[in-house]
Protein backbone atom coordinates (compact mmCIF):
# COMPACT_ATOMS: atom_id res chain seq x y z
CA MET A 1 9.35 4.04 -24.25
CA PRO A 2 10.65 2.85 -20.85
CA ILE A 3 8.30 3.16 -17.91
CA LEU A 4 10.98 2.86 -15.21
CA THR A 5 12.82 6.12 -14.68
CA GLU A 6 16.59 6.22 -14.50
CA THR A 7 16.34 6.96 -10.77
CA MET A 8 14.12 3.91 -10.28
CA ARG A 9 16.58 1.75 -12.22
CA GLN A 10 19.42 2.99 -10.03
CA GLU A 11 17.46 2.20 -6.87
CA ILE A 12 16.61 -1.27 -8.14
CA GLU A 13 20.23 -1.85 -9.08
CA ALA A 14 21.21 -0.83 -5.54
CA TYR A 15 18.76 -3.45 -4.20
CA THR A 16 20.48 -6.12 -6.29
CA GLN A 17 23.77 -5.35 -4.56
CA ARG A 18 22.25 -6.29 -1.19
CA TYR A 19 21.27 -9.81 -2.20
CA ALA A 20 22.98 -12.93 -3.50
CA THR A 21 20.75 -13.04 -6.59
CA ARG A 22 19.07 -10.39 -8.72
CA GLN A 23 15.74 -12.17 -8.22
CA ALA A 24 15.91 -11.43 -4.50
CA ALA A 25 15.56 -7.71 -5.33
CA LEU A 26 12.17 -8.32 -6.91
CA LEU A 27 9.98 -7.62 -3.87
CA PRO A 28 11.59 -4.28 -2.91
CA ALA A 29 11.58 -3.31 -6.60
CA LEU A 30 7.84 -3.96 -6.83
CA HIS A 31 7.27 -1.81 -3.73
CA LEU A 32 9.32 0.97 -5.32
CA ILE A 33 7.28 0.82 -8.51
CA GLN A 34 3.98 0.83 -6.64
CA ARG A 35 5.02 3.82 -4.53
CA HIS A 36 5.80 5.71 -7.73
CA PHE A 37 2.74 4.76 -9.81
CA HIS A 38 0.21 3.78 -7.05
CA CYS A 39 0.02 0.45 -8.90
CA VAL A 40 2.32 -1.91 -10.80
CA PRO A 41 1.67 -1.29 -14.51
CA LEU A 42 1.90 -4.21 -16.92
CA ALA A 43 4.68 -2.44 -18.83
CA ALA A 44 6.65 -2.21 -15.58
CA ILE A 45 6.32 -5.96 -15.03
CA GLU A 46 7.88 -6.68 -18.39
CA GLU A 47 10.58 -4.05 -17.99
CA LEU A 48 11.45 -5.16 -14.46
CA ALA A 49 11.66 -8.79 -15.56
CA ASP A 50 14.09 -7.83 -18.31
CA PHE A 51 16.12 -5.64 -15.94
CA LEU A 52 16.45 -8.42 -13.34
CA GLY A 53 16.95 -11.22 -15.87
CA LEU A 54 13.66 -12.93 -15.02
CA HIS A 55 10.69 -14.13 -17.02
CA PRO A 56 7.64 -11.82 -16.76
CA ALA A 57 5.67 -14.76 -15.31
CA GLN A 58 8.06 -14.84 -12.32
CA VAL A 59 7.39 -11.17 -11.66
CA HIS A 60 3.65 -11.65 -12.06
CA ASP A 61 3.68 -14.66 -9.71
CA THR A 62 5.34 -12.58 -7.00
CA LEU A 63 3.00 -9.69 -7.66
CA SER A 64 -0.13 -11.82 -7.40
CA PHE A 65 1.06 -13.78 -4.35
CA TYR A 66 1.13 -10.71 -2.12
CA GLY A 67 -2.14 -8.93 -1.43
CA PHE A 68 -0.66 -5.47 -1.17
CA PHE A 69 0.16 -4.87 -4.84
CA ARG A 70 -2.33 -3.27 -7.22
CA ASP A 71 -2.64 -3.40 -11.00
CA GLU A 72 -3.52 -0.56 -13.36
CA LYS A 73 -7.24 -1.32 -13.17
CA HIS A 74 -7.23 -0.96 -9.38
CA PRO A 75 -4.69 1.74 -8.48
CA LEU A 76 -4.19 2.92 -4.94
CA GLY A 77 -5.36 6.28 -3.70
CA ARG A 78 -2.80 8.87 -2.70
CA HIS A 79 -2.95 7.45 0.83
CA ARG A 80 -3.39 3.85 1.91
CA VAL A 81 -5.12 3.13 5.21
CA TRP A 82 -4.91 -0.37 6.68
CA VAL A 83 -7.16 -1.32 9.61
CA CYS A 84 -5.79 -4.18 11.68
CA ARG A 85 -8.09 -7.21 12.09
CA SER A 86 -5.94 -9.19 14.52
CA LEU A 87 -7.59 -10.69 17.58
CA PRO A 88 -6.23 -8.03 19.98
CA CYS A 89 -7.47 -5.24 17.70
CA MET A 90 -10.88 -6.87 17.25
CA LEU A 91 -11.25 -7.36 21.01
CA ARG A 92 -10.51 -3.67 21.55
CA GLY A 93 -12.92 -2.29 18.94
CA GLY A 94 -11.15 -2.81 15.62
CA GLU A 95 -14.21 -4.24 13.88
CA GLN A 96 -16.27 -1.19 14.81
CA LEU A 97 -13.39 1.05 13.75
CA LEU A 98 -13.33 -0.57 10.29
CA GLU A 99 -17.11 -0.29 9.97
CA ASP A 100 -17.05 3.38 10.99
CA LEU A 101 -14.27 4.22 8.53
CA CYS A 102 -16.15 2.44 5.72
CA HIS A 103 -19.23 4.50 6.53
CA HIS A 104 -17.25 7.74 6.87
CA LEU A 105 -15.43 7.26 3.57
CA GLY A 106 -18.39 5.71 1.71
CA ILE A 107 -16.33 2.72 0.56
CA GLN A 108 -15.69 -0.90 1.49
CA PRO A 109 -12.29 -2.46 2.25
CA GLY A 110 -10.24 -2.72 -0.92
CA GLN A 111 -11.88 0.33 -2.49
CA THR A 112 -10.65 3.86 -3.10
CA THR A 113 -12.63 7.03 -2.45
CA SER A 114 -14.08 8.74 -5.52
CA ASP A 115 -11.65 11.64 -5.15
CA GLY A 116 -8.72 9.18 -5.25
CA SER A 117 -7.40 10.31 -1.89
CA ILE A 118 -7.83 7.21 0.30
CA THR A 119 -7.67 3.46 -0.28
CA LEU A 120 -9.08 1.58 2.72
CA GLU A 121 -7.95 -1.98 3.40
CA PHE A 122 -7.78 -4.43 6.25
CA ALA A 123 -4.72 -6.32 7.38
CA GLU A 124 -4.79 -9.58 9.27
CA CYS A 125 -2.11 -8.18 11.60
CA LEU A 126 -0.02 -5.03 11.64
CA GLY A 127 2.30 -6.40 14.33
CA ALA A 128 1.45 -3.61 16.75
CA CYS A 129 -0.75 -5.38 19.30
CA GLU A 130 0.34 -2.98 22.03
CA LEU A 131 -1.43 -0.23 20.02
CA ALA A 132 -4.72 -2.11 19.55
CA PRO A 133 -6.87 -1.13 17.84
CA CYS A 134 -4.55 0.38 15.28
CA ILE A 135 -4.34 1.52 11.69
CA LEU A 136 -1.46 1.98 9.31
CA ILE A 137 -1.58 5.16 7.25
CA ASN A 138 0.92 4.86 4.43
CA ASP A 139 3.93 3.65 6.46
CA GLU A 140 2.97 5.07 9.87
CA CYS A 141 1.17 3.09 12.56
CA HIS A 142 -1.38 4.87 14.79
CA GLY A 143 -3.06 3.53 17.89
CA PRO A 144 -4.73 2.86 20.13
CA LEU A 145 -7.55 4.62 18.27
CA ASP A 146 -11.22 5.22 18.57
CA SER A 147 -13.34 6.00 15.51
CA ASP A 148 -13.31 9.77 16.05
CA THR A 149 -9.52 9.91 16.25
CA ALA A 150 -9.15 7.73 13.15
CA ARG A 151 -11.60 9.92 11.20
CA ASN A 152 -9.67 13.03 12.27
CA LEU A 153 -6.39 11.52 11.03
CA ILE A 154 -7.98 10.74 7.68
CA GLU A 155 -9.47 14.21 7.36
CA LYS A 156 -6.02 15.71 8.01
CA LEU A 157 -4.70 13.67 5.07
CA ARG A 158 -7.47 15.01 2.86
CA GLN A 159 -6.85 18.59 3.99
CA GLN A 160 -3.12 18.27 3.30
CA GLY A 161 -3.95 17.04 -0.18
CA ALA A 162 -6.33 19.94 -0.77
CA GLU A 163 -3.73 22.45 0.43
CA HIS A 164 -1.21 21.03 -2.03
CA GLY A 165 -3.71 20.85 -4.89
CA ILE A 166 -3.84 17.04 -4.95
């Protein structure tokens, strides 16, 4: 049974139209799959390789090269929070911010809370030095932040999930 939905296949096909080769659509296709499943399942690797005319090893190489993809054994939480570790962020309290969020959530970077709501990670740079220290929640950058403000943002995410039964 196919793991990629028809809608996903259509989106991936649309990516292929933007590039000179089908292989060039691989990275955006992997992001699409991860957004849908909160990981990139093994079955999706094989199916995507077939769809793009690649060998599964090529897909796996791309997947393992980038640190932001997860496999089925380590799925993402419903929300992904990146704490920036660039020099400007560290000089303005980013290290303490990361420590405080780890303590608040009861997890270490790379882990997901037991309720599956938050995956906490660090990024070497979020490219938002003017917002130092900053965090990226899903696709939205927030900063400059102190620990209290960051905790409040995360608690809002959890409350929204509880209100929607997730």
